[in-house]
């Protein structure tokens, strides 16, 4: 009874591990989960207050599919002010999280057999959405030597006449790598004189450490024209459950197509979230965002130190986001088995690297309190010692 299209999808390992950890915890087992990609902070109070105000004022009806006018204007203002990107409000669509933004984009542009270049390690959803749209994921593998970032030579080698798009993620989930301006310029040079689109996922933009964030579309006029900028408020403003993502592109035909698709699938995102998002986008909670960023930065520094003191494990210091991508190759190259044994033996839940296209690693989210992080790493160290003995 199922369609061939739906059979192409694989379940998300990140969601599966998080669900298993929750189930075990509900059974009374001592579980420490470092699997979820969700901040442990509360949504800032001014945002919640604005949502309550919107409800009390009866702002509970349908809106325009792409979003209310003042919200689109606010996003355009943010992109101009913070990223030096000039978009008209009509160049922007607000969706139910960046995941829907990506879904809309892939469905609107990918034809059967089109190739989409995806650097690995990648967010688990990218290849699944490409396959669902009929495309072919072309994976470029990276490692610690390159800081988990692709080079211009790798990009050149991966391009074929069937290449439709490349997906760039900066800061990266799961590695925390951030592309510098010069690195983006090198990639942009390779893409010149091609028709290849760039899907630039910038969801963790505000969570960067000891580096500057650079938007891919800001590199040059050529990159601006070919790039679809994707962002949202889930991670940096602790609004995961509010489901707020957006994309921007100067390509009018593409915007119309995605607006039509969203109008026939979900229509507008919920009206209350739209009103609340105005507070987050207009700089009213910048202090709260900075407090969260500093907390993540401190956790990252300590967690990296503790992991690198464990014989058999190693990890690069992340430049952004709130994940560590821990190398287990001296212990095990089977990340699913490693993580399964770790959970059973210690009650620590992490996500196997194979889910992100990189075997011999696991993803550790430090979006939890430092006491829990220390205890989790202590248990991991004990487990690793038992594997080496």
Protein backbone atom coordinates (compact mmCIF):
# COMPACT_ATOMS: atom_id res chain seq x y z
CA UNK A 1 0.00 0.00 0.00
CA UNK A 2 2.92 2.38 0.59
CA UNK A 3 4.29 4.62 -2.13
CA UNK A 4 7.76 4.03 -3.53
CA UNK A 5 8.60 7.58 -2.46
CA UNK A 6 7.83 7.05 1.20
CA UNK A 7 9.88 3.86 1.22
CA UNK A 8 13.01 5.90 0.46
CA UNK A 9 12.89 7.52 3.92
CA UNK A 10 14.90 6.18 6.85
CA UNK A 11 14.01 6.97 10.46
CA UNK A 12 16.06 9.68 12.15
CA UNK A 13 18.71 8.20 14.45
CA UNK A 14 18.75 11.35 16.56
CA UNK A 15 15.03 11.13 17.24
CA UNK A 16 15.21 7.36 17.73
CA UNK A 17 17.98 7.61 20.34
CA UNK A 18 16.26 10.48 22.16
CA UNK A 19 12.99 8.51 22.24
CA UNK A 20 14.71 5.39 23.56
CA UNK A 21 16.41 7.42 26.28
CA UNK A 22 13.08 8.95 27.31
CA UNK A 23 11.44 5.50 27.41
CA UNK A 24 14.22 4.05 29.58
CA UNK A 25 14.05 7.04 31.91
CA UNK A 26 10.27 6.61 32.20
CA UNK A 27 10.93 3.01 33.27
CA UNK A 28 12.96 4.35 36.20
CA UNK A 29 16.43 3.73 34.76
CA UNK A 30 19.25 6.18 35.43
CA UNK A 31 19.64 7.72 31.97
CA UNK A 32 21.73 10.72 30.95
CA UNK A 33 20.81 11.77 27.43
CA UNK A 34 23.15 13.84 25.27
CA UNK A 35 21.26 13.03 22.08
CA UNK A 36 18.79 15.85 21.54
CA UNK A 37 19.52 18.92 19.44
CA UNK A 38 17.58 21.19 21.76
CA UNK A 39 18.74 23.98 24.09
CA UNK A 40 18.08 23.35 27.76
CA UNK A 41 17.19 27.01 28.32
CA UNK A 42 13.71 28.47 28.56
CA UNK A 43 12.39 30.65 25.77
CA UNK A 44 13.11 34.25 26.90
CA UNK A 45 10.20 35.72 28.86
CA UNK A 46 9.56 38.72 26.52
CA UNK A 47 8.85 36.26 23.70
CA UNK A 48 6.43 34.27 25.84
CA UNK A 49 4.74 37.49 26.96
CA UNK A 50 4.22 38.56 23.35
CA UNK A 51 2.61 35.20 22.57
CA UNK A 52 0.24 35.53 25.51
CA UNK A 53 -0.61 39.03 24.39
CA UNK A 54 -1.38 37.79 20.87
CA UNK A 55 -3.72 35.13 22.25
CA UNK A 56 -5.50 37.59 24.52
CA UNK A 57 -5.93 40.02 21.63
CA UNK A 58 -7.47 37.29 19.49
CA UNK A 59 -4.67 36.99 16.93
CA UNK A 60 -5.70 33.39 16.21
CA UNK A 61 -6.79 33.33 12.57
CA UNK A 62 -5.15 32.38 9.29
CA UNK A 63 -2.44 34.67 7.99
CA UNK A 64 -0.78 35.03 4.62
CA UNK A 65 0.99 31.78 3.69
CA UNK A 66 4.49 33.32 3.76
CA UNK A 67 3.91 35.19 7.02
CA UNK A 68 2.43 38.45 8.27
CA UNK A 69 3.87 41.58 6.58
CA UNK A 70 5.54 43.01 9.69
CA UNK A 71 7.29 39.68 10.31
CA UNK A 72 8.68 39.45 6.78
CA UNK A 73 9.86 43.04 7.11
CA UNK A 74 11.50 42.21 10.43
CA UNK A 75 13.37 39.24 8.91
CA UNK A 76 14.50 41.41 5.99
CA UNK A 77 15.74 43.98 8.51
CA UNK A 78 17.63 41.33 10.48
CA UNK A 79 19.32 39.97 7.33
CA UNK A 80 20.37 43.49 6.30
CA UNK A 81 21.52 44.56 9.76
CA UNK A 82 23.36 41.41 10.80
CA UNK A 83 24.38 39.74 7.54
CA UNK A 84 24.60 42.60 5.02
CA UNK A 85 22.02 40.88 2.81
CA UNK A 86 19.40 42.89 0.95
CA UNK A 87 16.10 41.02 0.64
CA UNK A 88 12.64 42.39 0.05
CA UNK A 89 9.89 41.00 2.30
CA UNK A 90 8.52 39.24 -0.78
CA UNK A 91 11.81 37.29 -1.03
CA UNK A 92 11.10 35.52 2.29
CA UNK A 93 8.87 32.64 3.39
CA UNK A 94 8.29 31.63 7.01
CA UNK A 95 7.78 27.89 7.59
CA UNK A 96 7.29 25.35 10.36
CA UNK A 97 10.95 25.19 11.24
CA UNK A 98 13.96 25.12 8.93
CA UNK A 99 13.10 21.49 8.18
CA UNK A 100 9.99 22.59 6.26
CA UNK A 101 12.01 25.32 4.55
CA UNK A 102 14.39 22.65 3.28
CA UNK A 103 11.53 20.36 2.31
CA UNK A 104 9.87 23.14 0.30
CA UNK A 105 13.15 24.00 -1.43
CA UNK A 106 14.06 20.44 -2.38
CA UNK A 107 10.56 19.67 -3.61
CA UNK A 108 10.47 22.85 -5.68
CA UNK A 109 13.78 22.40 -7.53
CA UNK A 110 14.92 18.75 -7.56
CA UNK A 111 13.95 16.54 -10.46
CA UNK A 112 14.37 12.77 -10.68
CA UNK A 113 18.07 11.99 -10.94
CA UNK A 114 19.35 15.46 -9.97
CA UNK A 115 22.46 15.34 -7.82
CA UNK A 116 22.80 17.27 -4.58
CA UNK A 117 26.26 17.62 -3.02
CA UNK A 118 26.23 17.15 0.76
CA UNK A 119 29.40 17.39 2.87
CA UNK A 120 29.74 14.68 5.51
CA UNK A 121 29.29 14.69 8.48
CA UNK A 122 25.84 16.09 7.70
CA UNK A 123 22.59 16.73 9.50
CA UNK A 124 20.63 13.49 9.22
CA UNK A 125 17.69 15.06 7.35
CA UNK A 126 19.52 16.38 4.28
CA UNK A 127 19.99 13.15 2.30
CA UNK A 128 16.57 11.87 3.29
CA UNK A 129 14.80 14.94 1.91
CA UNK A 130 16.90 14.82 -1.27
CA UNK A 131 15.97 11.18 -1.85
CA UNK A 132 12.29 11.90 -1.14
CA UNK A 133 12.36 14.57 -3.85
CA UNK A 134 13.82 12.05 -6.33
CA UNK A 135 17.35 13.38 -6.13
CA UNK A 136 20.65 11.63 -5.55
CA UNK A 137 22.77 12.66 -2.55
CA UNK A 138 26.45 12.99 -3.49
CA UNK A 139 28.43 12.79 -0.27
CA UNK A 140 31.80 14.53 0.15
CA UNK A 141 33.61 13.07 3.15
CA UNK A 142 35.61 15.33 5.48
CA UNK A 143 37.62 14.71 8.63
CA UNK A 144 39.53 16.42 11.41
CA UNK A 145 42.39 17.41 9.10
CA UNK A 146 40.15 19.82 7.19
CA UNK A 147 38.21 20.80 10.30
CA UNK A 148 35.26 18.83 8.88
CA UNK A 149 34.93 21.30 5.98
CA UNK A 150 35.08 20.60 2.26
CA UNK A 151 37.78 22.14 0.08
CA UNK A 152 37.45 23.76 -3.32
CA UNK A 153 39.25 20.77 -4.88
CA UNK A 154 36.74 18.36 -3.34
CA UNK A 155 33.87 20.47 -4.64
CA UNK A 156 35.34 20.59 -8.15
CA UNK A 157 35.73 16.82 -8.20
CA UNK A 158 32.13 16.23 -7.09
CA UNK A 159 30.44 18.44 -9.70
CA UNK A 160 28.89 16.70 -12.71
CA UNK A 161 26.41 17.82 -15.39
CA UNK A 162 23.66 16.48 -13.09
CA UNK A 163 24.62 18.62 -10.08
CA UNK A 164 21.67 20.76 -9.08
CA UNK A 165 22.62 22.00 -5.62
CA UNK A 166 25.12 21.96 -2.79
CA UNK A 167 24.08 22.05 0.86
CA UNK A 168 26.33 24.09 3.15
CA UNK A 169 25.88 24.12 6.92
CA UNK A 170 27.71 26.68 9.03
CA UNK A 171 27.91 26.32 11.99
CA UNK A 172 27.63 22.58 11.50
CA UNK A 173 25.44 20.02 13.14
CA UNK A 174 27.08 17.65 14.17
CA UNK A 175 30.69 18.89 14.14
CA UNK A 176 30.46 22.56 15.16
CA UNK A 177 32.67 23.63 12.25
CA UNK A 178 32.25 27.14 10.82
CA UNK A 179 33.30 28.22 7.32
CA UNK A 180 35.49 31.33 7.24
CA UNK A 181 35.06 34.08 4.68
CA UNK A 182 38.12 32.92 2.72
CA UNK A 183 36.88 29.32 2.68
CA UNK A 184 33.49 30.42 1.38
CA UNK A 185 35.19 32.59 -1.24
CA UNK A 186 37.15 29.55 -2.48
CA UNK A 187 33.96 27.51 -2.81
CA UNK A 188 32.20 30.44 -4.49
CA UNK A 189 34.95 30.61 -7.10
CA UNK A 190 34.33 26.97 -8.04
CA UNK A 191 30.60 27.62 -8.44
CA UNK A 192 31.02 30.61 -10.75
CA UNK A 193 29.74 30.04 -14.29
CA UNK A 194 27.55 27.14 -13.15
CA UNK A 195 23.80 26.93 -12.51
CA UNK A 196 24.29 25.18 -9.16
CA UNK A 197 22.13 26.40 -6.29
CA UNK A 198 23.46 26.75 -2.73
CA UNK A 199 21.24 25.80 0.21
CA UNK A 200 22.93 27.57 3.13
CA UNK A 201 21.66 26.31 6.48
CA UNK A 202 22.61 28.96 9.05
CA UNK A 203 20.42 27.85 11.96
CA UNK A 204 23.23 28.02 14.55
CA UNK A 205 24.48 31.42 13.34
CA UNK A 206 24.38 33.13 16.75
CA UNK A 207 26.08 30.27 18.59
CA UNK A 208 29.73 30.77 17.56
CA UNK A 209 32.88 30.68 19.68
CA UNK A 210 36.21 32.43 18.99
CA UNK A 211 35.25 33.05 15.37
CA UNK A 212 32.99 35.21 13.20
CA UNK A 213 29.94 33.95 11.34
CA UNK A 214 29.78 34.78 7.63
CA UNK A 215 26.60 34.27 5.59
CA UNK A 216 27.28 32.40 2.35
CA UNK A 217 25.10 34.77 0.30
CA UNK A 218 27.17 37.75 1.46
CA UNK A 219 30.36 36.56 -0.27
CA UNK A 220 29.60 38.01 -3.71
CA UNK A 221 26.76 39.04 -5.99
CA UNK A 222 27.08 35.70 -7.75
CA UNK A 223 26.69 33.80 -4.47
CA UNK A 224 23.81 36.05 -3.45
CA UNK A 225 21.90 35.19 -6.62
CA UNK A 226 22.44 31.41 -6.34
CA UNK A 227 22.02 31.01 -2.56
CA UNK A 228 18.89 30.18 -0.63
CA UNK A 229 19.52 31.33 2.96
CA UNK A 230 17.82 29.15 5.58
CA UNK A 231 17.57 30.12 9.23
CA UNK A 232 15.24 30.19 12.20
CA UNK A 233 14.90 30.72 15.95
CA UNK A 234 14.87 27.17 17.31
CA UNK A 235 18.46 26.89 18.48
CA UNK A 236 19.80 30.36 19.25
CA UNK A 237 16.62 31.61 20.96
CA UNK A 238 15.51 28.30 22.53
CA UNK A 239 12.29 28.16 20.51
CA UNK A 240 12.35 24.58 19.22
CA UNK A 241 8.71 23.81 19.99
CA UNK A 242 7.47 27.06 18.48
CA UNK A 243 8.43 25.79 14.99
CA UNK A 244 9.82 28.90 13.37
CA UNK A 245 12.07 28.76 10.33
CA UNK A 246 12.48 30.90 7.26
CA UNK A 247 14.26 31.08 3.93
CA UNK A 248 15.22 33.95 1.68
CA UNK A 249 16.17 34.11 -1.99
CA UNK A 250 16.06 36.81 -4.68
CA UNK A 251 14.75 34.19 -7.14
CA UNK A 252 11.15 35.30 -7.61
CA UNK A 253 10.06 32.19 -9.53
CA UNK A 254 11.44 29.95 -6.81
CA UNK A 255 9.73 31.94 -4.07
CA UNK A 256 6.41 31.70 -5.91
CA UNK A 257 6.80 27.94 -6.33
CA UNK A 258 7.59 27.36 -2.67
CA UNK A 259 4.76 29.64 -1.58
CA UNK A 260 2.38 27.61 -3.77
CA UNK A 261 3.67 24.36 -2.29
CA UNK A 262 3.27 25.59 1.28
CA UNK A 263 -0.19 26.93 0.51
CA UNK A 264 -1.25 23.41 -0.50
CA UNK A 265 0.45 21.64 2.41
CA UNK A 266 0.47 23.54 5.70
CA UNK A 267 -0.46 27.10 4.76
CA UNK A 268 0.88 29.65 7.25
CA UNK A 269 2.72 28.72 10.43
CA UNK A 270 0.70 29.38 13.56
CA UNK A 271 -0.19 33.00 14.09
CA UNK A 272 0.90 33.14 17.74
CA UNK A 273 4.48 32.13 16.92
CA UNK A 274 4.65 34.80 14.24
CA UNK A 275 3.85 37.55 16.73
CA UNK A 276 6.27 36.15 19.31
CA UNK A 277 9.05 35.89 16.72
CA UNK A 278 8.97 39.65 16.19
CA UNK A 279 10.46 40.11 19.66
CA UNK A 280 13.30 37.68 18.93
CA UNK A 281 14.12 39.19 15.55
CA UNK A 282 14.08 42.85 16.59
CA UNK A 283 16.92 42.58 19.10
CA UNK A 284 14.79 42.70 22.25
CA UNK A 285 16.29 39.49 23.67
CA UNK A 286 19.89 39.88 22.47
CA UNK A 287 21.15 39.88 26.06
CA UNK A 288 19.43 36.55 26.75
CA UNK A 289 20.85 35.10 23.52
CA UNK A 290 24.36 36.18 24.54
CA UNK A 291 23.94 34.61 27.99
CA UNK A 292 23.02 31.31 26.35
CA UNK A 293 25.95 31.56 23.93
CA UNK A 294 28.41 32.15 26.76
CA UNK A 295 27.02 29.20 28.72
CA UNK A 296 27.40 26.92 25.70
CA UNK A 297 30.94 28.21 25.12
CA UNK A 298 31.96 27.40 28.69
CA UNK A 299 30.45 23.93 28.53
CA UNK A 300 32.18 23.23 25.23
CA UNK A 301 35.61 24.18 26.60
CA UNK A 302 35.30 21.90 29.62
CA UNK A 303 33.76 18.98 27.72
CA UNK A 304 36.49 19.08 25.06
CA UNK A 305 39.17 19.04 27.75
CA UNK A 306 37.58 16.10 29.55
CA UNK A 307 37.08 14.05 26.40
CA UNK A 308 40.61 14.61 25.17
CA UNK A 309 41.92 13.33 28.50
CA UNK A 310 40.29 9.95 27.82
CA UNK A 311 42.72 7.46 26.29
CA UNK A 312 41.12 6.22 23.05
CA UNK A 313 38.84 9.20 22.36
CA UNK A 314 39.51 12.57 20.75
CA UNK A 315 37.47 15.57 19.70
CA UNK A 316 37.99 18.89 17.96
CA UNK A 317 36.93 22.04 19.75
CA UNK A 318 33.72 23.23 18.06
CA UNK A 319 33.57 26.72 16.57
CA UNK A 320 29.79 26.85 16.85
CA UNK A 321 26.51 25.04 17.65
CA UNK A 322 26.29 22.85 20.79
CA UNK A 323 27.68 19.49 19.74
CA UNK A 324 30.92 17.56 19.97
CA UNK A 325 31.71 14.97 17.31
CA UNK A 326 33.82 12.49 19.24
CA UNK A 327 36.26 10.16 17.46
CA UNK A 328 36.07 6.55 18.70
CA UNK A 329 38.15 4.87 15.97
CA UNK A 330 40.82 3.69 18.43
CA UNK A 331 38.06 1.86 20.30
CA UNK A 332 35.43 0.99 17.70
CA UNK A 333 34.52 1.70 14.09
CA UNK A 334 30.96 0.49 14.63
CA UNK A 335 29.22 3.57 15.99
CA UNK A 336 25.80 1.94 16.39
CA UNK A 337 27.21 -0.95 18.41
CA UNK A 338 29.40 1.41 20.46
CA UNK A 339 26.47 3.67 21.35
CA UNK A 340 24.17 0.74 22.06
CA UNK A 341 26.68 -0.84 24.45
CA UNK A 342 27.36 2.53 26.07
CA UNK A 343 23.65 3.08 26.76
CA UNK A 344 23.16 -0.41 28.15
CA UNK A 345 26.29 -0.32 30.33
CA UNK A 346 26.23 3.25 31.62
CA UNK A 347 22.85 4.80 30.86
CA UNK A 348 24.50 7.44 28.65
CA UNK A 349 22.70 8.18 25.37
CA UNK A 350 24.66 9.66 22.44
CA UNK A 351 24.01 9.48 18.70
CA UNK A 352 26.00 7.14 16.41
CA UNK A 353 28.14 8.94 13.85
CA UNK A 354 26.89 6.75 11.02
CA UNK A 355 23.60 8.63 11.20
CA UNK A 356 25.53 11.71 10.12
CA UNK A 357 27.41 9.87 7.39
CA UNK A 358 30.63 9.36 9.38
CA UNK A 359 31.51 6.02 10.94
CA UNK A 360 33.74 5.84 14.01
CA UNK A 361 32.24 8.83 15.83
CA UNK A 362 29.37 9.78 18.10
CA UNK A 363 27.60 13.11 18.56
CA UNK A 364 27.48 14.48 22.09
CA UNK A 365 25.14 17.42 22.74
CA UNK A 366 26.31 19.79 25.47
CA UNK A 367 22.91 21.48 25.61
CA UNK A 368 22.51 20.47 29.23
CA UNK A 369 23.91 21.56 32.59
CA UNK A 370 27.62 21.23 33.33
CA UNK A 371 27.09 18.82 36.25
CA UNK A 372 25.28 16.38 33.96
CA UNK A 373 27.97 16.82 31.31
CA UNK A 374 30.74 15.98 33.79
CA UNK A 375 28.92 12.90 35.04
CA UNK A 376 28.15 11.75 31.50
CA UNK A 377 31.78 12.03 30.41
CA UNK A 378 32.90 10.28 33.61
CA UNK A 379 30.66 7.32 32.73
CA UNK A 380 31.93 7.33 29.14
CA UNK A 381 35.52 7.28 30.39
CA UNK A 382 34.77 4.28 32.61
CA UNK A 383 33.13 2.48 29.67
CA UNK A 384 36.07 3.19 27.34
CA UNK A 385 38.54 1.89 29.93
CA UNK A 386 36.54 -1.32 30.16
CA UNK A 387 36.65 -1.69 26.36
CA UNK A 388 40.43 -1.25 26.31
CA UNK A 389 41.16 -3.66 29.16
